[in-house]
Amino acid sequence: MLSVTPSLPDPRTLAHTFALEQALYAQGYLHVGGVDEAGRGPLAGPVVAACVILDPQADTSMYTDSKLLRAARREELFAQLHESAALIGVGQADAREIEAINILQASLLAMRRAVL
């Protein structure tokens, strides 16, 4: 498989949250996903990650850091994502995996699982 390294803008100069995704779409990439994890802070339980691929033409202005949103707004956006053409993947690593490979590696494992 041919691996190509995309040309990306300096993150410090980004005009908005989705500038990296738009730069990749402009270079011809067909699918660009955003990945994030939750659950690294708690002392017990799994670490969970999600990957979301939005339609390149989607209005992204409503999406921001979920920690900055009220719970009700997060629920609204969750419903909108599921009603849209977004592709959504979820992965997790359980407590045994975290103990075996450490929290960072377990987070990365959960992210890989979300992408696949």
C-alpha atoms as a PDB file:
ATOM      1  CA  MET A   1       0.000   0.000   0.000  1.00  0.00           C
ATOM      2  CA  LEU A   2       1.317   3.430  -0.939  1.00  0.00           C
ATOM      3  CA  SER A   3       1.630   5.820   1.969  1.00  0.00           C
ATOM      4  CA  VAL A   4       1.404   9.524   1.223  1.00  0.00           C
ATOM      5  CA  THR A   5       2.057  12.211   3.783  1.00  0.00           C
ATOM      6  CA  PRO A   6      -0.426  15.049   3.339  1.00  0.00           C
ATOM      7  CA  SER A   7       0.635  18.664   3.346  1.00  0.00           C
ATOM      8  CA  LEU A   8      -1.015  20.338   6.332  1.00  0.00           C
ATOM      9  CA  PRO A   9      -1.167  23.949   7.518  1.00  0.00           C
ATOM     10  CA  ASP A  10       0.573  24.929  10.737  1.00  0.00           C
ATOM     11  CA  PRO A  11      -2.013  24.208  13.491  1.00  0.00           C
ATOM     12  CA  ARG A  12      -1.145  27.508  15.206  1.00  0.00           C
ATOM     13  CA  THR A  13      -2.456  29.419  12.186  1.00  0.00           C
ATOM     14  CA  LEU A  14      -5.784  27.648  11.758  1.00  0.00           C
ATOM     15  CA  ALA A  15      -8.733  29.926  11.162  1.00  0.00           C
ATOM     16  CA  HIS A  16     -11.280  27.486  12.614  1.00  0.00           C
ATOM     17  CA  THR A  17     -11.765  23.975  14.000  1.00  0.00           C
ATOM     18  CA  PHE A  18     -12.225  22.236  10.635  1.00  0.00           C
ATOM     19  CA  ALA A  19      -9.369  23.923   8.724  1.00  0.00           C
ATOM     20  CA  LEU A  20      -7.242  20.746   8.768  1.00  0.00           C
ATOM     21  CA  GLU A  21     -10.074  18.648   7.377  1.00  0.00           C
ATOM     22  CA  GLN A  22     -10.757  21.194   4.651  1.00  0.00           C
ATOM     23  CA  ALA A  23      -7.050  21.251   3.725  1.00  0.00           C
ATOM     24  CA  LEU A  24      -7.065  17.474   3.325  1.00  0.00           C
ATOM     25  CA  TYR A  25     -10.250  17.478   1.240  1.00  0.00           C
ATOM     26  CA  ALA A  26      -8.688  20.194  -0.953  1.00  0.00           C
ATOM     27  CA  GLN A  27      -5.758  17.819  -1.573  1.00  0.00           C
ATOM     28  CA  GLY A  28      -8.150  15.175  -2.876  1.00  0.00           C
ATOM     29  CA  TYR A  29      -8.696  12.997   0.176  1.00  0.00           C
ATOM     30  CA  LEU A  30     -12.162  11.441   0.020  1.00  0.00           C
ATOM     31  CA  HIS A  31     -12.677  10.632   3.708  1.00  0.00           C
ATOM     32  CA  VAL A  32     -11.262  12.617   6.605  1.00  0.00           C
ATOM     33  CA  GLY A  33     -12.164  11.542  10.123  1.00  0.00           C
ATOM     34  CA  GLY A  34     -11.804  13.215  13.460  1.00  0.00           C
ATOM     35  CA  VAL A  35     -10.917  10.958  16.397  1.00  0.00           C
ATOM     36  CA  ASP A  36     -11.083  11.649  20.126  1.00  0.00           C
ATOM     37  CA  GLU A  37     -11.191   9.635  23.325  1.00  0.00           C
ATOM     38  CA  ALA A  38     -12.995   9.833  26.631  1.00  0.00           C
ATOM     39  CA  GLY A  39     -12.319   8.069  29.882  1.00  0.00           C
ATOM     40  CA  ARG A  40      -8.634   8.658  30.482  1.00  0.00           C
ATOM     41  CA  GLY A  41      -9.297  10.479  33.735  1.00  0.00           C
ATOM     42  CA  PRO A  42     -11.337   7.979  35.753  1.00  0.00           C
ATOM     43  CA  LEU A  43      -9.548   5.392  37.886  1.00  0.00           C
ATOM     44  CA  ALA A  44     -11.723   2.520  36.664  1.00  0.00           C
ATOM     45  CA  GLY A  45     -13.603   1.455  33.580  1.00  0.00           C
ATOM     46  CA  PRO A  46     -12.847   1.455  29.870  1.00  0.00           C
ATOM     47  CA  VAL A  47     -11.387   4.149  27.661  1.00  0.00           C
ATOM     48  CA  VAL A  48     -13.696   4.885  24.720  1.00  0.00           C
ATOM     49  CA  ALA A  49     -12.906   6.616  21.438  1.00  0.00           C
ATOM     50  CA  ALA A  50     -15.000   7.747  18.510  1.00  0.00           C
ATOM     51  CA  CYS A  51     -14.213   8.549  14.895  1.00  0.00           C
ATOM     52  CA  VAL A  52     -16.583  10.758  12.928  1.00  0.00           C
ATOM     53  CA  ILE A  53     -16.410  11.432   9.202  1.00  0.00           C
ATOM     54  CA  LEU A  54     -18.692  14.284   8.210  1.00  0.00           C
ATOM     55  CA  ASP A  55     -19.900  14.955   4.697  1.00  0.00           C
ATOM     56  CA  PRO A  56     -17.342  17.395   3.209  1.00  0.00           C
ATOM     57  CA  GLN A  57     -20.228  19.759   2.393  1.00  0.00           C
ATOM     58  CA  ALA A  58     -21.686  19.641   5.922  1.00  0.00           C
ATOM     59  CA  ASP A  59     -22.112  22.799   7.942  1.00  0.00           C
ATOM     60  CA  THR A  60     -19.489  22.333  10.667  1.00  0.00           C
ATOM     61  CA  SER A  61     -20.054  25.658  12.414  1.00  0.00           C
ATOM     62  CA  MET A  62     -22.173  24.026  15.125  1.00  0.00           C
ATOM     63  CA  TYR A  63     -19.485  21.541  16.176  1.00  0.00           C
ATOM     64  CA  THR A  64     -16.997  22.570  18.818  1.00  0.00           C
ATOM     65  CA  ASP A  65     -15.251  21.055  21.814  1.00  0.00           C
ATOM     66  CA  SER A  66     -17.955  19.051  23.585  1.00  0.00           C
ATOM     67  CA  LYS A  67     -16.562  20.081  26.980  1.00  0.00           C
ATOM     68  CA  LEU A  68     -17.602  23.646  26.144  1.00  0.00           C
ATOM     69  CA  LEU A  69     -21.230  22.661  25.518  1.00  0.00           C
ATOM     70  CA  ARG A  70     -24.162  22.213  27.856  1.00  0.00           C
ATOM     71  CA  ALA A  71     -25.337  18.612  28.213  1.00  0.00           C
ATOM     72  CA  ALA A  72     -28.593  19.368  26.379  1.00  0.00           C
ATOM     73  CA  ARG A  73     -26.703  20.840  23.403  1.00  0.00           C
ATOM     74  CA  ARG A  74     -24.415  17.779  23.268  1.00  0.00           C
ATOM     75  CA  GLU A  75     -27.510  15.582  23.094  1.00  0.00           C
ATOM     76  CA  GLU A  76     -28.967  17.698  20.270  1.00  0.00           C
ATOM     77  CA  LEU A  77     -25.755  17.472  18.253  1.00  0.00           C
ATOM     78  CA  PHE A  78     -25.518  13.726  18.923  1.00  0.00           C
ATOM     79  CA  ALA A  79     -29.000  13.274  17.448  1.00  0.00           C
ATOM     80  CA  GLN A  80     -28.159  15.488  14.460  1.00  0.00           C
ATOM     81  CA  LEU A  81     -25.009  13.466  13.751  1.00  0.00           C
ATOM     82  CA  HIS A  82     -26.968  10.229  13.749  1.00  0.00           C
ATOM     83  CA  GLU A  83     -29.598  11.720  11.442  1.00  0.00           C
ATOM     84  CA  SER A  84     -26.982  13.060   9.016  1.00  0.00           C
ATOM     85  CA  ALA A  85     -24.755  11.304   6.497  1.00  0.00           C
ATOM     86  CA  ALA A  86     -21.928  11.166   9.049  1.00  0.00           C
ATOM     87  CA  LEU A  87     -20.003   7.931   9.423  1.00  0.00           C
ATOM     88  CA  ILE A  88     -19.452   7.106  13.098  1.00  0.00           C
ATOM     89  CA  GLY A  89     -17.188   4.482  14.605  1.00  0.00           C
ATOM     90  CA  VAL A  90     -16.711   3.688  18.288  1.00  0.00           C
ATOM     91  CA  GLY A  91     -13.922   1.677  19.879  1.00  0.00           C
ATOM     92  CA  GLN A  92     -12.931   0.895  23.430  1.00  0.00           C
ATOM     93  CA  ALA A  93     -10.232  -0.728  25.495  1.00  0.00           C
ATOM     94  CA  ASP A  94     -11.303  -2.363  28.725  1.00  0.00           C
ATOM     95  CA  ALA A  95      -9.731  -2.163  32.175  1.00  0.00           C
ATOM     96  CA  ARG A  96      -7.654  -5.335  31.638  1.00  0.00           C
ATOM     97  CA  GLU A  97      -6.168  -3.911  28.456  1.00  0.00           C
ATOM     98  CA  ILE A  98      -5.399  -0.623  30.212  1.00  0.00           C
ATOM     99  CA  GLU A  99      -3.569  -2.493  32.989  1.00  0.00           C
ATOM    100  CA  ALA A 100      -1.635  -4.590  30.467  1.00  0.00           C
ATOM    101  CA  ILE A 101      -0.502  -1.854  28.056  1.00  0.00           C
ATOM    102  CA  ASN A 102      -0.994   1.463  29.987  1.00  0.00           C
ATOM    103  CA  ILE A 103      -3.599   4.179  29.517  1.00  0.00           C
ATOM    104  CA  LEU A 104      -1.899   5.926  26.594  1.00  0.00           C
ATOM    105  CA  GLN A 105      -1.533   2.744  24.556  1.00  0.00           C
ATOM    106  CA  ALA A 106      -5.078   1.707  25.484  1.00  0.00           C
ATOM    107  CA  SER A 107      -6.364   5.106  24.284  1.00  0.00           C
ATOM    108  CA  LEU A 108      -4.547   4.659  20.983  1.00  0.00           C
ATOM    109  CA  LEU A 109      -5.925   1.110  20.692  1.00  0.00           C
ATOM    110  CA  ALA A 110      -9.473   2.391  21.267  1.00  0.00           C
ATOM    111  CA  MET A 111      -8.887   5.036  18.574  1.00  0.00           C
ATOM    112  CA  ARG A 112      -7.668   2.424  16.078  1.00  0.00           C
ATOM    113  CA  ARG A 113     -10.740   0.328  16.825  1.00  0.00           C
ATOM    114  CA  ALA A 114     -12.982   3.361  16.268  1.00  0.00           C
ATOM    115  CA  VAL A 115     -11.412   3.999  12.866  1.00  0.00           C
ATOM    116  CA  LEU A 116     -11.715   0.371  11.734  1.00  0.00           C
END
